[in-house]
PDB file of N, CA and C in Angstrom:
ATOM      1  N   UNK A   1     -57.408-152.089  47.901  1.00  0.00           N
ATOM      2  CA  UNK A   1     -57.970-153.253  48.576  1.00  0.00           C
ATOM      3  C   UNK A   1     -59.457-153.356  48.463  1.00  0.00           C
ATOM      4  N   UNK A   2     -59.934-154.361  47.854  1.00  0.00           N
ATOM      5  CA  UNK A   2     -61.398-154.689  47.748  1.00  0.00           C
ATOM      6  C   UNK A   2     -62.059-155.237  49.131  1.00  0.00           C
ATOM      7  N   UNK A   3     -63.067-154.650  49.358  1.00  0.00           N
ATOM      8  CA  UNK A   3     -63.883-154.878  50.647  1.00  0.00           C
ATOM      9  C   UNK A   3     -64.661-156.362  50.588  1.00  0.00           C
ATOM     10  N   UNK A   4     -64.370-157.214  51.465  1.00  0.00           N
ATOM     11  CA  UNK A   4     -65.061-158.485  51.275  1.00  0.00           C
ATOM     12  C   UNK A   4     -66.386-158.434  51.909  1.00  0.00           C
ATOM     13  N   UNK A   5     -67.498-159.044  51.038  1.00  0.00           N
ATOM     14  CA  UNK A   5     -68.852-159.139  51.742  1.00  0.00           C
ATOM     15  C   UNK A   5     -69.037-160.442  52.259  1.00  0.00           C
ATOM     16  N   UNK A   6     -69.445-160.526  53.574  1.00  0.00           N
ATOM     17  CA  UNK A   6     -69.604-161.663  54.288  1.00  0.00           C
ATOM     18  C   UNK A   6     -71.115-162.102  54.293  1.00  0.00           C
ATOM     19  N   UNK A   7     -71.339-163.318  54.215  1.00  0.00           N
ATOM     20  CA  UNK A   7     -72.892-163.855  54.435  1.00  0.00           C
ATOM     21  C   UNK A   7     -72.985-164.137  55.865  1.00  0.00           C
ATOM     22  N   UNK A   8     -74.000-163.618  56.417  1.00  0.00           N
ATOM     23  CA  UNK A   8     -74.253-163.991  57.850  1.00  0.00           C
ATOM     24  C   UNK A   8     -74.904-165.373  57.797  1.00  0.00           C
ATOM     25  N   UNK A   9     -74.459-165.921  59.099  1.00  0.00           N
ATOM     26  CA  UNK A   9     -75.100-167.281  59.416  1.00  0.00           C
ATOM     27  C   UNK A   9     -76.496-167.168  59.703  1.00  0.00           C
ATOM     28  N   UNK A  10     -77.334-167.858  58.935  1.00  0.00           N
ATOM     29  CA  UNK A  10     -78.838-167.654  58.930  1.00  0.00           C
ATOM     30  C   UNK A  10     -79.532-168.914  59.246  1.00  0.00           C
ATOM     31  N   UNK A  11     -80.723-168.825  59.865  1.00  0.00           N
ATOM     32  CA  UNK A  11     -81.612-170.071  60.081  1.00  0.00           C
ATOM     33  C   UNK A  11     -82.972-169.424  59.514  1.00  0.00           C
ATOM     34  N   UNK A  12     -83.672-170.379  58.762  1.00  0.00           N
ATOM     35  CA  UNK A  12     -84.946-169.986  58.368  1.00  0.00           C
ATOM     36  C   UNK A  12     -85.878-171.143  58.748  1.00  0.00           C
ATOM     37  N   UNK A  13     -86.934-170.812  59.561  1.00  0.00           N
ATOM     38  CA  UNK A  13     -87.786-171.687  60.039  1.00  0.00           C
ATOM     39  C   UNK A  13     -89.246-171.410  59.802  1.00  0.00           C
ATOM     40  N   UNK A  14     -89.940-172.398  59.369  1.00  0.00           N
ATOM     41  CA  UNK A  14     -91.603-172.303  59.064  1.00  0.00           C
ATOM     42  C   UNK A  14     -92.403-172.768  60.152  1.00  0.00           C
ATOM     43  N   UNK A  15     -93.260-172.063  60.639  1.00  0.00           N
ATOM     44  CA  UNK A  15     -94.272-172.584  61.529  1.00  0.00           C
ATOM     45  C   UNK A  15     -95.636-172.487  60.985  1.00  0.00           C
ATOM     46  N   UNK A  16     -96.575-172.829  61.534  1.00  0.00           N
ATOM     47  CA  UNK A  16     -97.858-172.864  61.016  1.00  0.00           C
ATOM     48  C   UNK A  16     -98.355-171.569  60.526  1.00  0.00           C
ATOM     49  N   UNK A  17     -98.012-170.467  61.239  1.00  0.00           N
ATOM     50  CA  UNK A  17     -98.550-169.230  60.914  1.00  0.00           C
ATOM     51  C   UNK A  17     -97.513-168.158  60.304  1.00  0.00           C
ATOM     52  N   UNK A  18     -96.154-168.534  60.580  1.00  0.00           N
ATOM     53  CA  UNK A  18     -95.163-167.540  60.032  1.00  0.00           C
ATOM     54  C   UNK A  18     -93.798-168.165  59.464  1.00  0.00           C
ATOM     55  N   UNK A  19     -93.003-167.401  58.888  1.00  0.00           N
ATOM     56  CA  UNK A  19     -91.585-167.664  58.456  1.00  0.00           C
ATOM     57  C   UNK A  19     -90.682-166.919  59.418  1.00  0.00           C
ATOM     58  N   UNK A  20     -89.808-167.517  60.058  1.00  0.00           N
ATOM     59  CA  UNK A  20     -88.869-166.846  61.057  1.00  0.00           C
ATOM     60  C   UNK A  20     -87.516-166.958  60.427  1.00  0.00           C
ATOM     61  N   UNK A  21     -86.882-165.664  60.233  1.00  0.00           N
ATOM     62  CA  UNK A  21     -85.479-165.716  59.823  1.00  0.00           C
ATOM     63  C   UNK A  21     -84.579-165.171  60.884  1.00  0.00           C
ATOM     64  N   UNK A  22     -83.540-165.843  61.195  1.00  0.00           N
ATOM     65  CA  UNK A  22     -82.637-165.425  62.315  1.00  0.00           C
ATOM     66  C   UNK A  22     -81.210-165.399  61.706  1.00  0.00           C
ATOM     67  N   UNK A  23     -80.483-164.132  61.837  1.00  0.00           N
ATOM     68  CA  UNK A  23     -79.217-163.938  61.165  1.00  0.00           C
ATOM     69  C   UNK A  23     -78.206-163.482  62.230  1.00  0.00           C
ATOM     70  N   UNK A  24     -77.128-164.000  62.279  1.00  0.00           N
ATOM     71  CA  UNK A  24     -76.047-163.449  63.139  1.00  0.00           C
ATOM     72  C   UNK A  24     -75.328-162.308  62.479  1.00  0.00           C
ATOM     73  N   UNK A  25     -75.270-161.161  63.047  1.00  0.00           N
ATOM     74  CA  UNK A  25     -74.648-160.031  62.590  1.00  0.00           C
ATOM     75  C   UNK A  25     -73.717-159.323  63.804  1.00  0.00           C
ATOM     76  N   UNK A  26     -72.660-160.024  64.099  1.00  0.00           N
ATOM     77  CA  UNK A  26     -71.790-159.608  65.189  1.00  0.00           C
ATOM     78  C   UNK A  26     -71.175-158.127  64.701  1.00  0.00           C
ATOM     79  N   UNK A  27     -71.071-157.328  65.826  1.00  0.00           N
ATOM     80  CA  UNK A  27     -70.332-156.083  65.581  1.00  0.00           C
ATOM     81  C   UNK A  27     -71.152-155.012  64.766  1.00  0.00           C
ATOM     82  N   UNK A  28     -72.441-155.316  64.519  1.00  0.00           N
ATOM     83  CA  UNK A  28     -73.209-154.269  63.764  1.00  0.00           C
ATOM     84  C   UNK A  28     -74.253-153.623  64.747  1.00  0.00           C
ATOM     85  N   UNK A  29     -74.416-152.317  64.449  1.00  0.00           N
ATOM     86  CA  UNK A  29     -75.369-151.613  65.265  1.00  0.00           C
ATOM     87  C   UNK A  29     -76.771-151.727  64.601  1.00  0.00           C
ATOM     88  N   UNK A  30     -77.648-151.639  65.310  1.00  0.00           N
ATOM     89  CA  UNK A  30     -79.093-151.753  64.653  1.00  0.00           C
ATOM     90  C   UNK A  30     -79.437-150.775  63.521  1.00  0.00           C
ATOM     91  N   UNK A  31     -78.890-149.637  63.708  1.00  0.00           N
ATOM     92  CA  UNK A  31     -79.151-148.517  62.592  1.00  0.00           C
ATOM     93  C   UNK A  31     -78.396-148.914  61.265  1.00  0.00           C
ATOM     94  N   UNK A  32     -77.450-149.856  61.340  1.00  0.00           N
ATOM     95  CA  UNK A  32     -76.719-150.010  60.184  1.00  0.00           C
ATOM     96  C   UNK A  32     -77.275-151.243  59.338  1.00  0.00           C
ATOM     97  N   UNK A  33     -78.423-151.793  59.879  1.00  0.00           N
ATOM     98  CA  UNK A  33     -79.036-153.106  59.204  1.00  0.00           C
ATOM     99  C   UNK A  33     -80.218-152.598  58.410  1.00  0.00           C
ATOM    100  N   UNK A  34     -80.227-153.255  57.207  1.00  0.00           N
ATOM    101  CA  UNK A  34     -81.376-152.834  56.217  1.00  0.00           C
ATOM    102  C   UNK A  34     -81.921-154.325  55.847  1.00  0.00           C
ATOM    103  N   UNK A  35     -83.382-154.333  55.927  1.00  0.00           N
ATOM    104  CA  UNK A  35     -84.157-155.555  55.653  1.00  0.00           C
ATOM    105  C   UNK A  35     -85.066-155.125  54.569  1.00  0.00           C
ATOM    106  N   UNK A  36     -85.018-156.034  53.487  1.00  0.00           N
ATOM    107  CA  UNK A  36     -86.052-155.682  52.424  1.00  0.00           C
ATOM    108  C   UNK A  36     -86.804-157.072  52.071  1.00  0.00           C
ATOM    109  N   UNK A  37     -88.114-157.004  52.148  1.00  0.00           N
ATOM    110  CA  UNK A  37     -88.753-158.377  52.010  1.00  0.00           C
ATOM    111  C   UNK A  37     -89.905-158.190  51.025  1.00  0.00           C
ATOM    112  N   UNK A  38     -90.154-159.306  50.246  1.00  0.00           N
ATOM    113  CA  UNK A  38     -91.326-159.366  49.352  1.00  0.00           C
ATOM    114  C   UNK A  38     -92.232-160.385  49.768  1.00  0.00           C
ATOM    115  N   UNK A  39     -93.206-160.818  49.014  1.00  0.00           N
ATOM    116  CA  UNK A  39     -93.980-161.988  49.529  1.00  0.00           C
ATOM    117  C   UNK A  39     -93.309-163.454  49.393  1.00  0.00           C
ATOM    118  N   UNK A  40     -92.095-163.391  48.766  1.00  0.00           N
ATOM    119  CA  UNK A  40     -91.432-164.713  48.739  1.00  0.00           C
ATOM    120  C   UNK A  40     -89.861-164.548  48.830  1.00  0.00           C
ATOM    121  N   UNK A  41     -89.242-163.402  49.207  1.00  0.00           N
ATOM    122  CA  UNK A  41     -87.950-163.250  49.313  1.00  0.00           C
ATOM    123  C   UNK A  41     -87.627-162.237  50.577  1.00  0.00           C
ATOM    124  N   UNK A  42     -86.474-162.453  51.097  1.00  0.00           N
ATOM    125  CA  UNK A  42     -85.853-161.487  52.180  1.00  0.00           C
ATOM    126  C   UNK A  42     -84.447-161.195  51.707  1.00  0.00           C
ATOM    127  N   UNK A  43     -84.106-159.974  51.890  1.00  0.00           N
ATOM    128  CA  UNK A  43     -82.693-159.437  51.673  1.00  0.00           C
ATOM    129  C   UNK A  43     -82.247-158.811  52.950  1.00  0.00           C
ATOM    130  N   UNK A  44     -81.004-159.309  53.483  1.00  0.00           N
ATOM    131  CA  UNK A  44     -80.510-158.583  54.520  1.00  0.00           C
ATOM    132  C   UNK A  44     -79.050-158.060  54.284  1.00  0.00           C
ATOM    133  N   UNK A  45     -78.894-156.698  54.634  1.00  0.00           N
ATOM    134  CA  UNK A  45     -77.691-156.135  54.384  1.00  0.00           C
ATOM    135  C   UNK A  45     -77.260-155.375  55.658  1.00  0.00           C
ATOM    136  N   UNK A  46     -75.963-155.287  55.821  1.00  0.00           N
ATOM    137  CA  UNK A  46     -75.461-154.450  57.130  1.00  0.00           C
ATOM    138  C   UNK A  46     -74.015-154.109  56.854  1.00  0.00           C
ATOM    139  N   UNK A  47     -73.669-153.106  57.673  1.00  0.00           N
ATOM    140  CA  UNK A  47     -72.316-152.470  57.559  1.00  0.00           C
ATOM    141  C   UNK A  47     -71.746-152.465  58.891  1.00  0.00           C
ATOM    142  N   UNK A  48     -70.513-152.632  59.109  1.00  0.00           N
ATOM    143  CA  UNK A  48     -69.751-152.475  60.480  1.00  0.00           C
ATOM    144  C   UNK A  48     -68.643-151.383  60.189  1.00  0.00           C
ATOM    145  N   UNK A  49     -68.563-150.423  61.134  1.00  0.00           N
ATOM    146  CA  UNK A  49     -67.480-149.427  61.039  1.00  0.00           C
ATOM    147  C   UNK A  49     -66.955-149.444  62.419  1.00  0.00           C
ATOM    148  N   UNK A  50     -65.559-149.397  62.491  1.00  0.00           N
ATOM    149  CA  UNK A  50     -64.926-149.263  63.739  1.00  0.00           C
ATOM    150  C   UNK A  50     -63.756-148.470  63.581  1.00  0.00           C
ATOM    151  N   UNK A  51     -63.456-147.784  64.497  1.00  0.00           N
ATOM    152  CA  UNK A  51     -62.189-146.933  64.424  1.00  0.00           C
ATOM    153  C   UNK A  51     -61.554-146.922  65.763  1.00  0.00           C
ATOM    154  N   UNK A  52     -60.307-147.411  65.917  1.00  0.00           N
ATOM    155  CA  UNK A  52     -59.479-147.534  67.109  1.00  0.00           C
ATOM    156  C   UNK A  52     -58.288-146.635  67.055  1.00  0.00           C
ATOM    157  N   UNK A  53     -58.105-146.067  68.175  1.00  0.00           N
ATOM    158  CA  UNK A  53     -56.981-145.037  68.278  1.00  0.00           C
ATOM    159  C   UNK A  53     -56.279-145.402  69.611  1.00  0.00           C
ATOM    160  N   UNK A  54     -54.916-145.818  69.462  1.00  0.00           N
ATOM    161  CA  UNK A  54     -54.187-146.339  70.648  1.00  0.00           C
ATOM    162  C   UNK A  54     -53.022-145.364  70.593  1.00  0.00           C
ATOM    163  N   UNK A  55     -52.883-144.697  71.873  1.00  0.00           N
ATOM    164  CA  UNK A  55     -51.794-143.903  72.118  1.00  0.00           C
ATOM    165  C   UNK A  55     -50.906-144.296  73.425  1.00  0.00           C
ATOM    166  N   UNK A  56     -49.734-144.725  73.237  1.00  0.00           N
ATOM    167  CA  UNK A  56     -48.972-144.938  74.470  1.00  0.00           C
ATOM    168  C   UNK A  56     -47.670-144.310  74.180  1.00  0.00           C
ATOM    169  N   UNK A  57     -46.935-144.345  75.197  1.00  0.00           N
ATOM    170  CA  UNK A  57     -45.485-143.640  75.228  1.00  0.00           C
ATOM    171  C   UNK A  57     -44.585-144.140  74.225  1.00  0.00           C
ATOM    172  N   UNK A  58     -44.303-143.287  73.228  1.00  0.00           N
ATOM    173  CA  UNK A  58     -43.500-143.809  72.039  1.00  0.00           C
ATOM    174  C   UNK A  58     -44.260-144.685  71.100  1.00  0.00           C
ATOM    175  N   UNK A  59     -45.628-144.779  71.186  1.00  0.00           N
ATOM    176  CA  UNK A  59     -46.313-145.751  70.311  1.00  0.00           C
ATOM    177  C   UNK A  59     -47.585-145.076  69.952  1.00  0.00           C
ATOM    178  N   UNK A  60     -47.885-144.986  68.641  1.00  0.00           N
ATOM    179  CA  UNK A  60     -49.022-144.302  68.245  1.00  0.00           C
ATOM    180  C   UNK A  60     -49.593-145.198  66.937  1.00  0.00           C
ATOM    181  N   UNK A  61     -51.044-145.460  67.148  1.00  0.00           N
ATOM    182  CA  UNK A  61     -51.607-146.399  66.086  1.00  0.00           C
ATOM    183  C   UNK A  61     -53.074-145.988  66.020  1.00  0.00           C
ATOM    184  N   UNK A  62     -53.501-145.904  64.827  1.00  0.00           N
ATOM    185  CA  UNK A  62     -54.918-145.774  64.461  1.00  0.00           C
ATOM    186  C   UNK A  62     -55.392-146.728  63.458  1.00  0.00           C
ATOM    187  N   UNK A  63     -56.391-147.404  63.705  1.00  0.00           N
ATOM    188  CA  UNK A  63     -56.879-148.461  62.787  1.00  0.00           C
ATOM    189  C   UNK A  63     -58.401-148.273  62.594  1.00  0.00           C
ATOM    190  N   UNK A  64     -58.751-148.509  61.314  1.00  0.00           N
ATOM    191  CA  UNK A  64     -60.023-148.404  60.948  1.00  0.00           C
ATOM    192  C   UNK A  64     -60.385-149.874  60.229  1.00  0.00           C
ATOM    193  N   UNK A  65     -61.735-150.300  60.538  1.00  0.00           N
ATOM    194  CA  UNK A  65     -62.171-151.516  59.934  1.00  0.00           C
ATOM    195  C   UNK A  65     -63.478-151.432  59.458  1.00  0.00           C
ATOM    196  N   UNK A  66     -63.825-151.871  58.325  1.00  0.00           N
ATOM    197  CA  UNK A  66     -65.218-151.794  57.777  1.00  0.00           C
ATOM    198  C   UNK A  66     -65.497-153.139  57.240  1.00  0.00           C
ATOM    199  N   UNK A  67     -66.759-153.553  57.406  1.00  0.00           N
ATOM    200  CA  UNK A  67     -67.195-154.823  56.772  1.00  0.00           C
ATOM    201  C   UNK A  67     -68.627-154.764  56.420  1.00  0.00           C
ATOM    202  N   UNK A  68     -68.897-155.637  55.480  1.00  0.00           N
ATOM    203  CA  UNK A  68     -70.420-155.566  54.922  1.00  0.00           C
ATOM    204  C   UNK A  68     -70.779-157.110  55.146  1.00  0.00           C
ATOM    205  N   UNK A  69     -72.125-157.128  55.309  1.00  0.00           N
ATOM    206  CA  UNK A  69     -72.874-158.484  55.297  1.00  0.00           C
ATOM    207  C   UNK A  69     -73.880-158.251  54.267  1.00  0.00           C
ATOM    208  N   UNK A  70     -74.074-159.312  53.472  1.00  0.00           N
ATOM    209  CA  UNK A  70     -75.332-159.180  52.718  1.00  0.00           C
ATOM    210  C   UNK A  70     -75.765-160.716  52.199  1.00  0.00           C
ATOM    211  N   UNK A  71     -77.124-160.972  52.220  1.00  0.00           N
ATOM    212  CA  UNK A  71     -77.626-162.169  51.843  1.00  0.00           C
ATOM    213  C   UNK A  71     -78.887-162.056  51.431  1.00  0.00           C
ATOM    214  N   UNK A  72     -79.476-162.787  50.371  1.00  0.00           N
ATOM    215  CA  UNK A  72     -80.735-162.772  49.963  1.00  0.00           C
ATOM    216  C   UNK A  72     -81.172-164.294  49.893  1.00  0.00           C
ATOM    217  N   UNK A  73     -82.529-164.479  50.345  1.00  0.00           N
ATOM    218  CA  UNK A  73     -83.039-165.718  50.396  1.00  0.00           C
ATOM    219  C   UNK A  73     -84.508-165.851  49.788  1.00  0.00           C
ATOM    220  N   UNK A  74     -84.807-167.066  49.245  1.00  0.00           N
ATOM    221  CA  UNK A  74     -86.083-167.307  48.827  1.00  0.00           C
ATOM    222  C   UNK A  74     -86.752-168.034  49.992  1.00  0.00           C
ATOM    223  N   UNK A  75     -87.977-167.461  50.442  1.00  0.00           N
ATOM    224  CA  UNK A  75     -88.683-168.040  51.505  1.00  0.00           C
ATOM    225  C   UNK A  75     -89.435-169.210  51.121  1.00  0.00           C
ATOM    226  N   UNK A  76     -89.763-170.162  52.085  1.00  0.00           N
ATOM    227  CA  UNK A  76     -90.380-171.440  51.841  1.00  0.00           C
ATOM    228  C   UNK A  76     -91.863-171.171  51.651  1.00  0.00           C
ATOM    229  N   UNK A  77     -92.318-170.075  51.882  1.00  0.00           N
ATOM    230  CA  UNK A  77     -93.888-169.880  51.928  1.00  0.00           C
ATOM    231  C   UNK A  77     -94.047-168.399  51.529  1.00  0.00           C
ATOM    232  N   UNK A  78     -95.216-168.214  50.977  1.00  0.00           N
ATOM    233  CA  UNK A  78     -95.567-166.706  50.876  1.00  0.00           C
ATOM    234  C   UNK A  78     -95.939-166.002  52.221  1.00  0.00           C
ATOM    235  N   UNK A  79     -95.567-164.639  52.269  1.00  0.00           N
ATOM    236  CA  UNK A  79     -95.678-163.976  53.489  1.00  0.00           C
ATOM    237  C   UNK A  79     -96.075-162.580  53.068  1.00  0.00           C
ATOM    238  N   UNK A  80     -96.592-161.985  54.207  1.00  0.00           N
ATOM    239  CA  UNK A  80     -97.193-160.613  54.292  1.00  0.00           C
ATOM    240  C   UNK A  80     -95.921-159.626  54.777  1.00  0.00           C
ATOM    241  N   UNK A  81     -95.080-159.026  53.861  1.00  0.00           N
ATOM    242  CA  UNK A  81     -94.022-158.311  54.262  1.00  0.00           C
ATOM    243  C   UNK A  81     -94.310-157.068  55.156  1.00  0.00           C
ATOM    244  N   UNK A  82     -95.541-156.458  54.716  1.00  0.00           N
ATOM    245  CA  UNK A  82     -95.957-155.273  55.440  1.00  0.00           C
ATOM    246  C   UNK A  82     -96.506-155.549  56.877  1.00  0.00           C
ATOM    247  N   UNK A  83     -96.477-156.820  57.282  1.00  0.00           N
ATOM    248  CA  UNK A  83     -96.980-157.246  58.624  1.00  0.00           C
ATOM    249  C   UNK A  83     -95.657-157.764  59.360  1.00  0.00           C
ATOM    250  N   UNK A  84     -94.395-157.610  58.850  1.00  0.00           N
ATOM    251  CA  UNK A  84     -93.278-158.540  59.362  1.00  0.00           C
ATOM    252  C   UNK A  84     -92.824-157.626  60.674  1.00  0.00           C
ATOM    253  N   UNK A  85     -92.056-158.210  61.606  1.00  0.00           N
ATOM    254  CA  UNK A  85     -91.511-157.549  62.667  1.00  0.00           C
ATOM    255  C   UNK A  85     -90.093-158.178  62.948  1.00  0.00           C
ATOM    256  N   UNK A  86     -89.288-157.132  63.200  1.00  0.00           N
ATOM    257  CA  UNK A  86     -87.944-157.394  63.268  1.00  0.00           C
ATOM    258  C   UNK A  86     -87.382-157.062  64.618  1.00  0.00           C
ATOM    259  N   UNK A  87     -86.439-157.769  65.326  1.00  0.00           N
ATOM    260  CA  UNK A  87     -85.668-157.487  66.578  1.00  0.00           C
ATOM    261  C   UNK A  87     -84.403-157.700  66.387  1.00  0.00           C
ATOM    262  N   UNK A  88     -83.459-156.990  67.126  1.00  0.00           N
ATOM    263  CA  UNK A  88     -81.916-157.326  67.227  1.00  0.00           C
ATOM    264  C   UNK A  88     -81.481-157.018  68.436  1.00  0.00           C
ATOM    265  N   UNK A  89     -80.834-158.203  68.912  1.00  0.00           N
ATOM    266  CA  UNK A  89     -80.377-158.336  70.233  1.00  0.00           C
ATOM    267  C   UNK A  89     -79.152-158.956  70.348  1.00  0.00           C
ATOM    268  N   UNK A  90     -78.065-158.504  70.960  1.00  0.00           N
ATOM    269  CA  UNK A  90     -76.839-159.228  71.103  1.00  0.00           C
ATOM    270  C   UNK A  90     -76.207-159.923  69.823  1.00  0.00           C
ATOM    271  N   UNK A  91     -76.367-158.932  68.785  1.00  0.00           N
ATOM    272  CA  UNK A  91     -75.676-159.440  67.496  1.00  0.00           C
ATOM    273  C   UNK A  91     -76.575-160.470  66.690  1.00  0.00           C
ATOM    274  N   UNK A  92     -77.818-160.641  67.079  1.00  0.00           N
ATOM    275  CA  UNK A  92     -78.706-161.610  66.461  1.00  0.00           C
ATOM    276  C   UNK A  92     -80.083-160.955  65.921  1.00  0.00           C
ATOM    277  N   UNK A  93     -80.250-160.906  64.710  1.00  0.00           N
ATOM    278  CA  UNK A  93     -81.477-160.339  64.157  1.00  0.00           C
ATOM    279  C   UNK A  93     -82.437-161.526  63.875  1.00  0.00           C
ATOM    280  N   UNK A  94     -83.676-161.123  64.296  1.00  0.00           N
ATOM    281  CA  UNK A  94     -84.876-162.057  64.081  1.00  0.00           C
ATOM    282  C   UNK A  94     -85.945-161.410  63.432  1.00  0.00           C
ATOM    283  N   UNK A  95     -86.370-161.831  62.258  1.00  0.00           N
ATOM    284  CA  UNK A  95     -87.393-161.343  61.569  1.00  0.00           C
ATOM    285  C   UNK A  95     -88.577-162.432  61.443  1.00  0.00           C
ATOM    286  N   UNK A  96     -89.933-162.059  61.980  1.00  0.00           N
ATOM    287  CA  UNK A  96     -90.915-162.864  61.936  1.00  0.00           C
ATOM    288  C   UNK A  96     -91.884-162.243  60.775  1.00  0.00           C
ATOM    289  N   UNK A  97     -92.174-163.119  59.927  1.00  0.00           N
ATOM    290  CA  UNK A  97     -92.907-162.706  58.675  1.00  0.00           C
ATOM    291  C   UNK A  97     -94.188-163.555  58.690  1.00  0.00           C
ATOM    292  N   UNK A  98     -95.307-163.084  58.875  1.00  0.00           N
ATOM    293  CA  UNK A  98     -96.655-163.697  58.953  1.00  0.00           C
ATOM    294  C   UNK A  98     -96.985-164.226  57.601  1.00  0.00           C
ATOM    295  N   UNK A  99     -97.388-165.640  57.600  1.00  0.00           N
ATOM    296  CA  UNK A  99     -97.764-166.236  56.328  1.00  0.00           C
ATOM    297  C   UNK A  99     -98.964-165.430  55.658  1.00  0.00           C
ATOM    298  N   UNK A 100     -99.005-165.444  54.333  1.00  0.00           N
ATOM    299  CA  UNK A 100    -100.048-165.003  53.621  1.00  0.00           C
ATOM    300  C   UNK A 100    -101.158-166.009  53.489  1.00  0.00           C
ATOM    301  N   UNK A 101    -102.366-165.793  53.505  1.00  0.00           N
ATOM    302  CA  UNK A 101    -103.396-166.774  53.337  1.00  0.00           C
ATOM    303  C   UNK A 101    -103.170-167.618  52.026  1.00  0.00           C
ATOM    304  N   UNK A 102    -103.229-168.948  52.238  1.00  0.00           N
ATOM    305  CA  UNK A 102    -103.113-169.850  51.115  1.00  0.00           C
ATOM    306  C   UNK A 102    -104.387-169.781  50.280  1.00  0.00           C
ATOM    307  N   UNK A 103    -104.326-169.478  49.103  1.00  0.00           N
ATOM    308  CA  UNK A 103    -105.507-169.477  48.244  1.00  0.00           C
ATOM    309  C   UNK A 103    -105.560-171.066  47.808  1.00  0.00           C
ATOM    310  N   UNK A 104    -106.818-171.213  47.381  1.00  0.00           N
ATOM    311  CA  UNK A 104    -106.917-172.641  46.773  1.00  0.00           C
ATOM    312  C   UNK A 104    -105.998-172.889  45.752  1.00  0.00           C
ATOM    313  N   UNK A 105    -105.340-174.244  45.815  1.00  0.00           N
ATOM    314  CA  UNK A 105    -104.543-174.499  44.965  1.00  0.00           C
ATOM    315  C   UNK A 105    -104.820-174.822  43.498  1.00  0.00           C
ATOM    316  N   UNK A 106    -106.143-175.268  43.411  1.00  0.00           N
ATOM    317  CA  UNK A 106    -106.730-175.642  42.174  1.00  0.00           C
ATOM    318  C   UNK A 106    -108.116-175.951  42.387  1.00  0.00           C
ATOM    319  N   UNK A 107    -108.842-176.184  41.243  1.00  0.00           N
ATOM    320  CA  UNK A 107    -110.166-176.573  41.297  1.00  0.00           C
ATOM    321  C   UNK A 107    -110.578-177.336  40.021  1.00  0.00           C
ATOM    322  N   UNK A 108    -111.249-178.569  40.271  1.00  0.00           N
ATOM    323  CA  UNK A 108    -111.738-179.363  39.268  1.00  0.00           C
ATOM    324  C   UNK A 108    -112.591-178.614  38.531  1.00  0.00           C
ATOM    325  N   UNK A 109    -112.531-178.708  37.075  1.00  0.00           N
ATOM    326  CA  UNK A 109    -113.582-178.011  36.260  1.00  0.00           C
ATOM    327  C   UNK A 109    -114.274-179.245  35.398  1.00  0.00           C
ATOM    328  N   UNK A 110    -115.536-179.285  35.471  1.00  0.00           N
ATOM    329  CA  UNK A 110    -116.366-180.083  34.875  1.00  0.00           C
ATOM    330  C   UNK A 110    -116.469-179.736  33.430  1.00  0.00           C
ATOM    331  N   UNK A 111    -116.279-180.578  32.515  1.00  0.00           N
ATOM    332  CA  UNK A 111    -116.413-180.536  31.002  1.00  0.00           C
ATOM    333  C   UNK A 111    -117.959-180.657  30.726  1.00  0.00           C
ATOM    334  N   UNK A 112    -118.399-179.722  29.912  1.00  0.00           N
ATOM    335  CA  UNK A 112    -119.747-179.834  29.508  1.00  0.00           C
ATOM    336  C   UNK A 112    -119.893-180.447  28.134  1.00  0.00           C
TER     337      UNK A 112
END
């Protein structure tokens, strides 16, 4: 049986100073989340692992469930990945990536 990879529900918001990525990862423990960012992309992956054991009179059952989340995004602005901060609370991951300084987009050149 092939394991399905789910895409987390994600919001990407751009403010004046940063890009904020919010992803829903229900049932995932913080230690099982991996985030990789470059100046213009972010990649989020996570695994869920759960094992249930139920024993009742005349009834015995053991279940395991595994799941994976994966998603890669192109960000709307250049960021500084080494300055990023991530928090995870109640199944919601938030990554704040400060924007990189915007260099001049171009300059007129006078022809001599």
